[in-house]
Amino acid sequence: MSVILILIPLSLVVAALFLGAFIWAVRGGQYEDTCTPSMRVLADDGTVDVKAAKAVDFENNNGRSR
């Protein structure tokens, strides 16, 4: 029975921490634009920025030439 007296307040503290984290994320703008990232994939026009592609290739190869 004494375990219940420990677990109930502990669960309330954990729930309050999760609620605080959720409120912090909402105030920080985490959930402001939920539609655009998923729609960006569908609206991709297939063009590739050559400089960006070369930079990514350079980073993946760690500066080594092929």
Protein backbone atom coordinates (compact mmCIF):
# COMPACT_ATOMS: atom_id res chain seq x y z
CA MET A 1 0.00 0.00 0.00
CA SER A 2 2.90 2.35 0.69
CA VAL A 3 4.03 1.95 -2.93
CA ILE A 4 0.81 3.64 -4.09
CA LEU A 5 1.65 6.64 -1.93
CA ILE A 6 4.91 6.99 -3.85
CA LEU A 7 3.69 6.14 -7.36
CA ILE A 8 0.69 8.50 -7.51
CA PRO A 9 2.67 11.69 -6.72
CA LEU A 10 5.49 10.49 -8.97
CA SER A 11 3.07 9.95 -11.87
CA LEU A 12 1.60 13.42 -11.30
CA VAL A 13 5.09 14.95 -11.45
CA VAL A 14 5.90 13.08 -14.68
CA ALA A 15 2.57 14.16 -16.21
CA ALA A 16 3.28 17.77 -15.23
CA LEU A 17 6.71 17.54 -16.88
CA PHE A 18 5.19 16.25 -20.12
CA LEU A 19 2.54 18.97 -20.04
CA GLY A 20 5.25 21.59 -19.49
CA ALA A 21 7.29 20.21 -22.41
CA PHE A 22 4.22 20.30 -24.65
CA ILE A 23 3.40 23.90 -23.70
CA TRP A 24 7.05 24.86 -24.25
CA ALA A 25 6.99 23.29 -27.74
CA VAL A 26 3.74 25.06 -28.67
CA ARG A 27 5.04 28.43 -27.50
CA GLY A 28 8.30 27.82 -29.37
CA GLY A 29 6.44 27.41 -32.66
CA GLN A 30 7.03 23.69 -33.08
CA TYR A 31 3.53 23.05 -34.46
CA GLU A 32 2.95 26.22 -36.47
CA ASP A 33 3.41 24.93 -40.02
CA THR A 34 2.47 21.28 -40.18
CA CYS A 35 1.18 21.17 -43.77
CA THR A 36 3.97 22.75 -45.82
CA PRO A 37 6.78 20.20 -45.27
CA SER A 38 4.60 17.30 -46.38
CA MET A 39 3.28 19.23 -49.38
CA ARG A 40 6.79 20.31 -50.40
CA VAL A 41 7.64 16.71 -51.32
CA LEU A 42 4.58 16.43 -53.55
CA ALA A 43 5.21 19.77 -55.25
CA ASP A 44 8.85 19.01 -56.04
CA ASP A 45 9.55 20.15 -59.59
CA GLY A 46 12.60 17.93 -60.04
CA THR A 47 15.16 20.70 -60.48
CA VAL A 48 18.48 20.28 -58.73
CA ASP A 49 20.76 23.07 -57.59
CA VAL A 50 24.13 22.07 -59.10
CA LYS A 51 26.21 23.92 -56.50
CA ALA A 52 24.28 22.33 -53.64
CA ALA A 53 24.58 18.88 -55.21
CA LYS A 54 28.34 19.28 -55.60
CA ALA A 55 28.64 20.48 -52.00
CA VAL A 56 26.75 17.43 -50.73
CA ASP A 57 28.87 15.15 -52.91
CA PHE A 58 32.02 16.82 -51.59
CA GLU A 59 30.87 16.35 -47.99
CA ASN A 60 29.98 12.70 -48.59
CA ASN A 61 33.38 11.95 -50.10
CA ASN A 62 35.24 13.94 -47.41
CA GLY A 63 37.03 15.96 -50.04
CA ARG A 64 38.39 12.96 -51.95
CA SER A 65 38.19 13.04 -55.71
CA ARG A 66 36.73 10.14 -57.62
